[in-house]
Structure formats: structure tokens, C-alpha cells
Amino acid sequence: MEYLAGILIALFVSLFATLVGFDKERSFYPTVLVVIASYYGLFAVMGGSVQAVLCESVVMAVFLSATVLGFKRNLWFVVAALVTHGIFDFFHGHLISNPGVPIWWPMFCLTYDVVAALYLAYLLRHSKVIANAR
């Protein structure tokens, strides 16, 4: 169910963003990635684990760096970072002990990330969004 929810919600958000024009702005998907990258930090705070907050902050910094690179240079970096975050979701529980993460979250986030990446890749491939910064 978590996988299906991730797919459907990512499609809904992406299609909605296209319908209203949010994704015409180059900053839309980088902003989505910033939010995605911050959730594990939020879960660490909710779980009350200082060690998890520190570990998640390091990982978050990596994804934020990729986000800035993608926004400033080329949105294909954001596509790659979204896919990479999905892979990270798959392995998260084996890499970082974070008691605040809901049991269903990694599967949901993995599918959301990959679907959002595929949708952004489609937009870039079909020149619906400009990949390179001007």
C-alpha cells in the first residue's frame, strides 16, 4: 500500500504542478527535493535521537548540495538526486538508526522520489522545463 500511495501522490502532485504552472519555474523540483531531504531530520527530532539528528543532517547537507547544483547548473542533477534519495530510502534503515521514522515511510518515499524523478526527466526531455540555468 505504501508503494501505491507514493506513486499516486507523486503523480498527483506532479500533474497538479503542471496544470497550474508551478513546474514552469526551475525552482519547483529543487524545492520539492529540499522538502524530501528534510523529512528524515524531522523524524529524528520526533524520535528524540540527537545522534540520528546529526547523521540525518549530514545526509541532508549532501542532498541540499545536489539541489543547489541542479538549480544553479542543470536540473538533470535534481533528477539524479531524486533517484539517489529513493535508493537511500531503500537502505536507510540499515545505514542510520532513526527511531522516529514511521515503518511505512521508506517504501512510500522511495516510490515518490522515483516517480517525481521520472516525471521531471519527462519534462526535461520534452523541453517543458529548461534544464540549464541561464
Protein backbone atom coordinates (compact mmCIF):
# COMPACT_ATOMS: atom_id res chain seq x y z
CA MET A 1 0.00 0.00 0.00
CA GLU A 2 2.89 2.37 0.79
CA TYR A 3 4.30 1.90 -2.71
CA LEU A 4 0.96 2.62 -4.36
CA ALA A 5 0.44 5.69 -2.18
CA GLY A 6 3.89 7.03 -3.12
CA ILE A 7 3.22 6.53 -6.81
CA LEU A 8 -0.25 8.08 -6.76
CA ILE A 9 0.68 11.07 -4.61
CA ALA A 10 3.80 11.81 -6.68
CA LEU A 11 1.74 11.66 -9.87
CA PHE A 12 -0.97 13.86 -8.37
CA VAL A 13 1.50 16.49 -7.13
CA SER A 14 3.45 16.46 -10.40
CA LEU A 15 0.37 16.68 -12.62
CA PHE A 16 -1.12 19.37 -10.40
CA ALA A 17 2.13 21.35 -10.63
CA THR A 18 1.99 21.11 -14.42
CA LEU A 19 -1.70 22.01 -14.56
CA VAL A 20 -1.30 25.21 -12.54
CA GLY A 21 2.16 26.05 -13.90
CA PHE A 22 4.26 25.60 -10.76
CA ASP A 23 6.77 23.44 -12.59
CA LYS A 24 7.41 26.09 -15.24
CA GLU A 25 9.65 27.67 -12.61
CA ARG A 26 13.03 25.96 -12.45
CA SER A 27 12.91 26.14 -8.66
CA PHE A 28 9.89 23.86 -8.23
CA TYR A 29 11.56 20.43 -8.27
CA PRO A 30 14.65 21.62 -6.37
CA THR A 31 12.24 22.89 -3.69
CA VAL A 32 10.48 19.51 -3.67
CA LEU A 33 13.88 17.86 -3.16
CA VAL A 34 14.70 20.19 -0.24
CA VAL A 35 11.45 19.17 1.46
CA ILE A 36 12.04 15.48 0.74
CA ALA A 37 15.58 15.67 2.13
CA SER A 38 14.37 17.30 5.34
CA TYR A 39 11.85 14.66 6.44
CA TYR A 40 14.36 12.25 7.98
CA GLY A 41 15.69 15.14 10.08
CA LEU A 42 12.16 15.86 11.25
CA PHE A 43 11.67 12.19 12.13
CA ALA A 44 14.94 12.21 14.08
CA VAL A 45 13.73 15.17 16.14
CA MET A 46 10.38 13.45 16.70
CA GLY A 47 12.23 10.29 17.80
CA GLY A 48 14.33 12.29 20.26
CA SER A 49 17.65 10.98 18.98
CA VAL A 50 20.49 13.51 18.88
CA GLN A 51 22.71 11.01 17.08
CA ALA A 52 20.05 10.49 14.40
CA VAL A 53 19.64 14.27 14.02
CA LEU A 54 23.38 14.61 13.43
CA CYS A 55 23.55 11.71 10.96
CA GLU A 56 20.45 12.84 9.09
CA SER A 57 21.83 16.40 8.94
CA VAL A 58 24.96 15.18 7.17
CA VAL A 59 22.89 13.27 4.62
CA MET A 60 20.55 16.23 4.23
CA ALA A 61 23.53 18.50 3.51
CA VAL A 62 24.59 16.20 0.67
CA PHE A 63 21.13 16.34 -0.91
CA LEU A 64 20.88 20.10 -0.39
CA SER A 65 24.22 20.49 -2.17
CA ALA A 66 22.92 18.43 -5.08
CA THR A 67 19.79 20.57 -5.11
CA VAL A 68 21.76 23.80 -5.35
CA LEU A 69 23.98 22.31 -8.06
CA GLY A 70 20.92 21.25 -10.01
CA PHE A 71 19.21 24.60 -9.66
CA LYS A 72 22.31 26.65 -10.48
CA ARG A 73 23.61 24.44 -13.30
CA ASN A 74 21.30 21.79 -14.70
CA LEU A 75 18.07 20.19 -13.47
CA TRP A 76 19.31 16.74 -14.50
CA PHE A 77 21.28 16.83 -11.24
CA VAL A 78 17.94 17.13 -9.43
CA VAL A 79 16.64 14.09 -11.34
CA ALA A 80 19.74 12.16 -10.26
CA ALA A 81 19.40 13.35 -6.66
CA LEU A 82 15.74 12.30 -6.51
CA VAL A 83 16.61 8.81 -7.77
CA THR A 84 19.55 8.65 -5.36
CA HIS A 85 17.28 9.65 -2.49
CA GLY A 86 14.94 6.82 -3.47
CA ILE A 87 17.87 4.40 -3.29
CA PHE A 88 18.83 5.93 0.05
CA ASP A 89 15.28 5.30 1.28
CA PHE A 90 15.67 1.62 0.43
CA PHE A 91 18.85 1.30 2.52
CA HIS A 92 18.08 3.93 5.18
CA GLY A 93 17.20 1.53 7.98
CA HIS A 94 20.50 -0.31 7.50
CA LEU A 95 22.55 2.90 7.49
CA ILE A 96 21.03 5.16 10.15
CA SER A 97 19.15 4.25 13.31
CA ASN A 98 16.31 6.76 13.47
CA PRO A 99 13.53 5.82 15.92
CA GLY A 100 11.18 8.50 14.60
CA VAL A 101 10.84 7.09 11.06
CA PRO A 102 7.39 5.57 10.50
CA ILE A 103 7.64 1.94 9.42
CA TRP A 104 5.95 2.70 6.08
CA TRP A 105 7.94 5.83 5.23
CA PRO A 106 10.95 4.39 3.36
CA MET A 107 8.74 2.50 0.88
CA PHE A 108 6.45 5.50 0.38
CA CYS A 109 9.33 7.94 -0.05
CA LEU A 110 11.24 5.60 -2.38
CA THR A 111 8.35 5.40 -4.83
CA TYR A 112 7.53 9.10 -4.51
CA ASP A 113 11.15 10.04 -5.24
CA VAL A 114 11.47 7.79 -8.27
CA VAL A 115 8.13 8.84 -9.79
CA ALA A 116 8.94 12.53 -9.23
CA ALA A 117 12.36 11.97 -10.86
CA LEU A 118 10.78 10.22 -13.85
CA TYR A 119 8.23 13.00 -14.25
CA LEU A 120 10.90 15.70 -14.10
CA ALA A 121 13.00 13.71 -16.60
CA TYR A 122 9.98 13.59 -18.92
CA LEU A 123 9.53 17.36 -18.62
CA LEU A 124 13.21 17.97 -19.32
CA ARG A 125 13.36 15.52 -22.22
CA HIS A 126 10.34 17.13 -23.87
CA SER A 127 11.57 20.69 -23.19
CA LYS A 128 8.65 21.52 -20.90
CA VAL A 129 11.18 22.84 -18.38
CA ILE A 130 14.58 24.31 -19.22
CA ALA A 131 17.35 22.12 -17.84
CA ASN A 132 20.21 24.62 -17.86
CA ALA A 133 20.35 27.74 -15.72
CA ARG A 134 20.68 30.94 -17.71
